[in-house]
Amino acid sequence: ALTTTGDLTVTAGGAVTDSGTLVIPGTTTISASGQAVTLDSSNDFGTAAITGANVAVTDTNAIILGASTVTGTYDVTAGGAITDSGTQEITGVTTLEAGSGNDITLDTSTNNFAAAVVITSGNNVAITDEDAIVLGASTVSGTYGITAAGAVTDTGALAITGVTTIAAGSGNNITLDHTSNNFQAAVQITSG
């Protein structure tokens, strides 16, 4: 367990894990290139900026994702809103869980999700990708906004309660053809 009143910076040549609760109200910066980062206790981060391979982060309430470079999977579980304050450069599947009443807003224009983005739970969800994006199986209890500068495709069922708005950019295809997709409200295509 660790509680600070400011920031935490960790640089490691091996895996980074927690064995107790981390309470870091400032910015937590983890530099563990090529290594697993697993911070899955009942943590409370202000902002978390992580460089690592497979990364899993748990926060008991809202979390801000600082500029992060993840060469494997990226799992973020929060008991509040999930937002970003810097570029998310993610090679593997991104899985986000904020709870059905909390928003997910990853709208930095230079975000790059190279594999599927899965929303396990979230209220109003907005995701931006600087090029193509793949939407994994997702359950969204509010609105679902996708902004990309490339093709928008799906690899899993999309269960969306609110309005879905997709902007892929002129000349880019949008293909949401999973047989179990369920859009309960309007689907708006602003560009594609």
Protein backbone atom coordinates (compact mmCIF):
# COMPACT_ATOMS: atom_id res chain seq x y z
CA ALA A 1 0.00 0.00 0.00
CA LEU A 2 1.19 3.51 -0.82
CA THR A 3 -0.44 6.91 -0.32
CA THR A 4 1.12 10.13 -1.58
CA THR A 5 -0.04 13.72 -1.80
CA GLY A 6 1.51 14.29 -5.23
CA ASP A 7 2.97 12.35 -8.15
CA LEU A 8 4.56 8.91 -8.45
CA THR A 9 7.18 7.96 -11.04
CA VAL A 10 8.35 4.36 -11.49
CA THR A 11 10.94 3.12 -13.98
CA ALA A 12 11.39 -0.65 -14.17
CA GLY A 13 13.23 -3.23 -16.26
CA GLY A 14 10.80 -5.92 -15.14
CA ALA A 15 7.11 -6.34 -14.40
CA VAL A 16 5.34 -3.72 -12.28
CA THR A 17 2.63 -5.00 -9.92
CA ASP A 18 0.86 -3.86 -6.79
CA SER A 19 0.36 -5.80 -3.58
CA GLY A 20 -1.79 -3.18 -1.88
CA THR A 21 -3.84 -0.07 -2.55
CA LEU A 22 -2.16 2.86 -4.30
CA VAL A 23 -3.60 6.33 -3.60
CA ILE A 24 -1.88 8.80 -5.92
CA PRO A 25 -3.89 12.03 -6.44
CA GLY A 26 -1.37 13.47 -8.90
CA THR A 27 0.15 11.84 -11.96
CA THR A 28 1.39 8.27 -11.85
CA THR A 29 4.02 7.64 -14.53
CA ILE A 30 5.10 4.04 -15.10
CA SER A 31 7.94 3.35 -17.56
CA ALA A 32 8.32 -0.39 -18.08
CA SER A 33 8.84 -0.80 -21.81
CA GLY A 34 8.24 -4.39 -22.90
CA GLN A 35 7.12 -5.42 -19.41
CA ALA A 36 3.73 -6.26 -17.89
CA VAL A 37 2.13 -3.60 -15.69
CA THR A 38 -0.63 -4.90 -13.41
CA LEU A 39 -2.11 -2.41 -10.95
CA ASP A 40 -5.33 -4.20 -10.03
CA SER A 41 -5.88 -3.46 -6.34
CA SER A 42 -8.50 -0.97 -5.09
CA ASN A 43 -6.38 1.92 -6.33
CA ASP A 44 -7.19 5.61 -6.65
CA PHE A 45 -5.19 7.43 -9.33
CA GLY A 46 -5.53 11.00 -10.52
CA THR A 47 -3.82 10.52 -13.88
CA ALA A 48 -2.03 7.36 -15.03
CA ALA A 49 0.52 7.48 -17.87
CA ILE A 50 1.94 4.05 -18.64
CA THR A 51 4.52 2.56 -20.98
CA GLY A 52 4.47 -1.24 -20.95
CA ALA A 53 3.50 -4.48 -22.67
CA ASN A 54 0.26 -5.96 -21.28
CA VAL A 55 -1.23 -3.33 -18.97
CA ALA A 56 -4.11 -3.66 -16.49
CA VAL A 57 -5.18 -0.74 -14.29
CA THR A 58 -7.98 -0.60 -11.73
CA ASP A 59 -9.29 2.60 -10.12
CA THR A 60 -12.06 2.76 -7.53
CA ASN A 61 -13.46 5.94 -9.08
CA ALA A 62 -12.71 8.16 -12.09
CA ILE A 63 -9.36 7.93 -13.87
CA ILE A 64 -7.56 10.14 -16.39
CA LEU A 65 -5.32 8.29 -18.85
CA GLY A 66 -2.19 10.28 -19.56
CA ALA A 67 -0.05 9.71 -22.64
CA SER A 68 0.48 5.95 -22.77
CA THR A 69 2.28 3.50 -25.05
CA VAL A 70 1.17 -0.11 -24.66
CA THR A 71 2.59 -2.82 -26.93
CA GLY A 72 0.18 -5.51 -25.70
CA THR A 73 -3.32 -5.48 -24.25
CA TYR A 74 -4.69 -2.53 -22.29
CA ASP A 75 -7.37 -3.14 -19.64
CA VAL A 76 -8.80 -0.22 -17.68
CA THR A 77 -11.42 -0.80 -14.98
CA ALA A 78 -12.86 2.20 -13.14
CA GLY A 79 -15.67 3.01 -10.75
CA GLY A 80 -16.13 6.38 -12.43
CA ALA A 81 -15.49 8.19 -15.69
CA ILE A 82 -12.54 7.23 -17.91
CA THR A 83 -11.00 10.17 -19.81
CA ASP A 84 -7.70 10.95 -21.51
CA SER A 85 -5.28 13.85 -21.26
CA GLY A 86 -2.71 12.50 -23.72
CA THR A 87 -2.28 10.16 -26.68
CA GLN A 88 -3.16 6.50 -26.20
CA GLU A 89 -0.85 4.45 -28.48
CA ILE A 90 -2.15 0.91 -28.02
CA THR A 91 -1.05 -2.12 -30.06
CA GLY A 92 -3.24 -4.83 -28.51
CA VAL A 93 -6.91 -5.04 -27.63
CA THR A 94 -8.17 -2.22 -25.39
CA THR A 95 -10.86 -3.17 -22.86
CA LEU A 96 -12.62 -0.40 -20.93
CA GLU A 97 -15.02 -0.88 -18.03
CA ALA A 98 -16.45 2.23 -16.34
CA GLY A 99 -19.82 0.92 -15.13
CA SER A 100 -23.13 1.53 -16.86
CA GLY A 101 -23.60 4.98 -15.29
CA ASN A 102 -20.16 6.42 -16.04
CA ASP A 103 -18.88 8.04 -19.22
CA ILE A 104 -15.84 7.05 -21.27
CA THR A 105 -14.25 9.88 -23.28
CA LEU A 106 -10.99 9.12 -25.09
CA ASP A 107 -11.01 11.99 -27.56
CA THR A 108 -7.38 12.99 -28.05
CA SER A 109 -7.03 13.41 -31.83
CA THR A 110 -3.77 11.42 -32.00
CA ASN A 111 -5.04 8.30 -30.22
CA ASN A 112 -4.16 5.13 -32.11
CA PHE A 113 -5.87 1.87 -31.20
CA ALA A 114 -4.27 -0.73 -33.50
CA ALA A 115 -6.55 -3.58 -32.34
CA ALA A 116 -10.16 -3.76 -31.16
CA VAL A 117 -11.62 -1.38 -28.58
CA VAL A 118 -14.00 -3.27 -26.28
CA ILE A 119 -16.41 -1.44 -23.96
CA THR A 120 -17.44 -3.86 -21.20
CA SER A 121 -19.62 -1.15 -19.66
CA GLY A 122 -20.04 2.58 -20.05
CA ASN A 123 -22.73 5.25 -20.25
CA ASN A 124 -21.95 7.89 -22.89
CA VAL A 125 -18.89 6.70 -24.82
CA ALA A 126 -16.74 8.75 -27.23
CA ILE A 127 -13.62 7.26 -28.84
CA THR A 128 -11.27 8.99 -31.30
CA ASP A 129 -8.65 7.22 -33.43
CA GLU A 130 -6.19 8.93 -35.79
CA ASP A 131 -6.74 6.23 -38.43
CA ALA A 132 -8.87 3.08 -38.79
CA ILE A 133 -10.61 1.61 -35.74
CA VAL A 134 -11.99 -1.83 -34.93
CA LEU A 135 -14.92 -1.95 -32.50
CA GLY A 136 -14.93 -5.02 -30.29
CA ALA A 137 -17.94 -6.40 -28.42
CA SER A 138 -19.38 -3.47 -26.49
CA THR A 139 -22.24 -2.65 -24.14
CA VAL A 140 -23.06 1.05 -23.97
CA SER A 141 -26.00 2.30 -21.91
CA GLY A 142 -25.93 5.84 -23.36
CA THR A 143 -24.65 7.39 -26.58
CA TYR A 144 -21.79 5.95 -28.65
CA GLY A 145 -19.60 8.32 -30.65
CA ILE A 146 -16.77 7.08 -32.87
CA THR A 147 -14.46 9.48 -34.70
CA ALA A 148 -11.80 8.00 -36.99
CA ALA A 149 -9.68 8.97 -39.97
CA GLY A 150 -9.97 5.53 -41.54
CA ALA A 151 -12.29 2.55 -41.83
CA VAL A 152 -14.64 1.70 -38.95
CA THR A 153 -15.32 -2.04 -38.56
CA ASP A 154 -16.53 -4.42 -35.87
CA THR A 155 -15.35 -7.79 -34.52
CA GLY A 156 -18.00 -8.27 -31.84
CA ALA A 157 -21.61 -7.50 -31.04
CA LEU A 158 -22.40 -3.85 -30.34
CA ALA A 159 -25.26 -3.38 -27.84
CA ILE A 160 -25.94 0.35 -27.86
CA THR A 161 -28.88 1.93 -26.01
CA GLY A 162 -28.45 5.55 -27.09
CA VAL A 163 -27.75 7.26 -30.40
CA THR A 164 -24.68 6.01 -32.29
CA THR A 165 -22.73 8.64 -34.24
CA ILE A 166 -19.88 7.63 -36.54
CA ALA A 167 -17.44 9.87 -38.42
CA ALA A 168 -14.89 7.93 -40.48
CA GLY A 169 -13.79 10.72 -42.76
CA SER A 170 -14.64 11.13 -46.42
CA GLY A 171 -13.70 8.11 -48.52
CA ASN A 172 -13.42 5.67 -45.61
CA ASN A 173 -15.71 2.67 -45.25
CA ILE A 174 -17.93 1.92 -42.27
CA THR A 175 -18.79 -1.77 -41.92
CA LEU A 176 -20.70 -2.80 -38.80
CA ASP A 177 -21.94 -6.20 -39.87
CA HIS A 178 -21.83 -8.41 -36.78
CA THR A 179 -25.07 -10.42 -36.80
CA SER A 180 -25.75 -9.72 -33.10
CA ASN A 181 -25.43 -5.92 -33.24
CA ASN A 182 -28.32 -4.18 -31.47
CA PHE A 183 -28.68 -0.43 -31.99
CA GLN A 184 -31.73 0.61 -29.94
CA ALA A 185 -31.66 4.24 -31.08
CA ALA A 186 -30.67 6.04 -34.27
CA VAL A 187 -27.37 5.41 -36.08
CA GLN A 188 -25.97 8.61 -37.58
CA ILE A 189 -23.14 8.65 -40.11
CA THR A 190 -21.59 12.11 -40.26
CA SER A 191 -18.85 11.10 -42.71
CA GLY A 192 -17.72 7.93 -44.41
